[in-house]
Amino acid sequence: MIEREISRDSVKQAILSGSVIEAYPDDYPIPSYLICSLEPEPLHIVLSYNAINSEIHIITIYRPDLEHFKSDFITRK
């Protein structure tokens, strides 16, 4: 987050307003998800969610680019 200059507030907003665009249910030790939020800027957040104790672990956050995603920032090229 720091290296990419993405604020904590932007991450919180993206998680709350974004949509799961990919799910990785077989990830170990707990399932993870790719979330996309478009407002106020396109962000992708990969996080894991432990349903047993309601913990979220943020794995990475990045700004999707048009080299890897179509213009909707959801569909992979």
C-alpha atoms as a PDB file:
ATOM      1  CA  MET A   1       0.000   0.000   0.000  1.00  0.00           C
ATOM      2  CA  ILE A   2       2.728   2.413   0.947  1.00  0.00           C
ATOM      3  CA  GLU A   3       4.835   1.728  -2.150  1.00  0.00           C
ATOM      4  CA  ARG A   4       1.777   2.129  -4.385  1.00  0.00           C
ATOM      5  CA  GLU A   5       0.550   5.185  -2.462  1.00  0.00           C
ATOM      6  CA  ILE A   6      -2.850   3.640  -1.732  1.00  0.00           C
ATOM      7  CA  SER A   7      -4.415   4.913   1.462  1.00  0.00           C
ATOM      8  CA  ARG A   8      -5.968   2.776   4.172  1.00  0.00           C
ATOM      9  CA  ASP A   9      -9.272   4.634   3.647  1.00  0.00           C
ATOM     10  CA  SER A  10      -9.203   3.785  -0.074  1.00  0.00           C
ATOM     11  CA  VAL A  11      -8.718   0.123   0.792  1.00  0.00           C
ATOM     12  CA  LYS A  12     -11.573   0.117   3.286  1.00  0.00           C
ATOM     13  CA  GLN A  13     -13.883   1.820   0.799  1.00  0.00           C
ATOM     14  CA  ALA A  14     -12.881  -0.574  -1.974  1.00  0.00           C
ATOM     15  CA  ILE A  15     -13.573  -3.631   0.182  1.00  0.00           C
ATOM     16  CA  LEU A  16     -16.970  -2.306   1.260  1.00  0.00           C
ATOM     17  CA  SER A  17     -18.103  -1.132  -2.182  1.00  0.00           C
ATOM     18  CA  GLY A  18     -16.301  -3.591  -4.450  1.00  0.00           C
ATOM     19  CA  SER A  19     -17.376  -6.884  -5.952  1.00  0.00           C
ATOM     20  CA  VAL A  20     -15.752 -10.291  -5.869  1.00  0.00           C
ATOM     21  CA  ILE A  21     -14.582 -10.975  -9.417  1.00  0.00           C
ATOM     22  CA  GLU A  22     -12.622 -14.163  -8.726  1.00  0.00           C
ATOM     23  CA  ALA A  23     -12.786 -16.678  -5.892  1.00  0.00           C
ATOM     24  CA  TYR A  24     -10.059 -19.104  -4.933  1.00  0.00           C
ATOM     25  CA  PRO A  25     -11.882 -21.537  -2.608  1.00  0.00           C
ATOM     26  CA  ASP A  26      -9.021 -24.047  -2.603  1.00  0.00           C
ATOM     27  CA  ASP A  27      -6.376 -21.607  -1.376  1.00  0.00           C
ATOM     28  CA  TYR A  28      -4.573 -22.856   1.707  1.00  0.00           C
ATOM     29  CA  PRO A  29      -4.973 -22.355   4.594  1.00  0.00           C
ATOM     30  CA  ILE A  30      -8.149 -20.321   3.929  1.00  0.00           C
ATOM     31  CA  PRO A  31     -10.040 -19.243   0.777  1.00  0.00           C
ATOM     32  CA  SER A  32      -9.103 -15.986  -0.905  1.00  0.00           C
ATOM     33  CA  TYR A  33     -10.855 -13.575  -3.249  1.00  0.00           C
ATOM     34  CA  LEU A  34     -10.067 -10.913  -5.816  1.00  0.00           C
ATOM     35  CA  ILE A  35     -12.219  -7.834  -5.259  1.00  0.00           C
ATOM     36  CA  CYS A  36     -12.574  -5.029  -7.786  1.00  0.00           C
ATOM     37  CA  SER A  37     -13.707  -1.528  -6.926  1.00  0.00           C
ATOM     38  CA  LEU A  38     -13.956   1.223  -9.520  1.00  0.00           C
ATOM     39  CA  GLU A  39     -14.603   4.250  -7.294  1.00  0.00           C
ATOM     40  CA  PRO A  40     -12.913   6.580  -6.688  1.00  0.00           C
ATOM     41  CA  GLU A  41     -10.279   4.791  -8.808  1.00  0.00           C
ATOM     42  CA  PRO A  42      -9.930   1.207 -10.055  1.00  0.00           C
ATOM     43  CA  LEU A  43      -8.398  -0.995  -7.368  1.00  0.00           C
ATOM     44  CA  HIS A  44      -7.948  -4.728  -7.006  1.00  0.00           C
ATOM     45  CA  ILE A  45      -7.636  -6.273  -3.577  1.00  0.00           C
ATOM     46  CA  VAL A  46      -6.675  -9.875  -2.976  1.00  0.00           C
ATOM     47  CA  LEU A  47      -7.743 -10.950   0.474  1.00  0.00           C
ATOM     48  CA  SER A  48      -8.421 -14.077   2.434  1.00  0.00           C
ATOM     49  CA  TYR A  49     -11.416 -14.486   4.675  1.00  0.00           C
ATOM     50  CA  ASN A  50     -11.514 -16.792   7.656  1.00  0.00           C
ATOM     51  CA  ALA A  51     -15.212 -17.410   8.306  1.00  0.00           C
ATOM     52  CA  ILE A  52     -14.528 -19.219  11.572  1.00  0.00           C
ATOM     53  CA  ASN A  53     -13.340 -16.083  13.365  1.00  0.00           C
ATOM     54  CA  SER A  54     -14.433 -13.411  10.833  1.00  0.00           C
ATOM     55  CA  GLU A  55     -10.864 -12.339  10.052  1.00  0.00           C
ATOM     56  CA  ILE A  56      -9.831 -10.697   6.820  1.00  0.00           C
ATOM     57  CA  HIS A  57      -6.197 -10.819   5.736  1.00  0.00           C
ATOM     58  CA  ILE A  58      -5.206  -8.452   2.956  1.00  0.00           C
ATOM     59  CA  ILE A  59      -2.702 -10.125   0.667  1.00  0.00           C
ATOM     60  CA  THR A  60      -2.099  -7.395  -1.909  1.00  0.00           C
ATOM     61  CA  ILE A  61      -3.625  -4.259  -3.374  1.00  0.00           C
ATOM     62  CA  TYR A  62      -2.901  -2.846  -6.798  1.00  0.00           C
ATOM     63  CA  ARG A  63      -4.246  -0.651  -9.573  1.00  0.00           C
ATOM     64  CA  PRO A  64      -5.270  -2.900 -12.472  1.00  0.00           C
ATOM     65  CA  ASP A  65      -3.823  -1.963 -15.855  1.00  0.00           C
ATOM     66  CA  LEU A  66      -5.041  -2.255 -19.425  1.00  0.00           C
ATOM     67  CA  GLU A  67      -2.158  -4.554 -20.294  1.00  0.00           C
ATOM     68  CA  HIS A  68      -3.672  -7.334 -18.178  1.00  0.00           C
ATOM     69  CA  PHE A  69      -7.378  -6.374 -18.006  1.00  0.00           C
ATOM     70  CA  LYS A  70      -9.960  -5.107 -20.445  1.00  0.00           C
ATOM     71  CA  SER A  71     -11.302  -1.577 -19.984  1.00  0.00           C
ATOM     72  CA  ASP A  72     -13.862  -2.773 -17.409  1.00  0.00           C
ATOM     73  CA  PHE A  73     -10.894  -3.727 -15.151  1.00  0.00           C
ATOM     74  CA  ILE A  74     -12.733  -6.970 -14.389  1.00  0.00           C
ATOM     75  CA  THR A  75     -12.155  -9.167 -17.436  1.00  0.00           C
ATOM     76  CA  ARG A  76      -8.656 -10.568 -17.904  1.00  0.00           C
ATOM     77  CA  LYS A  77      -7.130 -10.325 -21.376  1.00  0.00           C
END
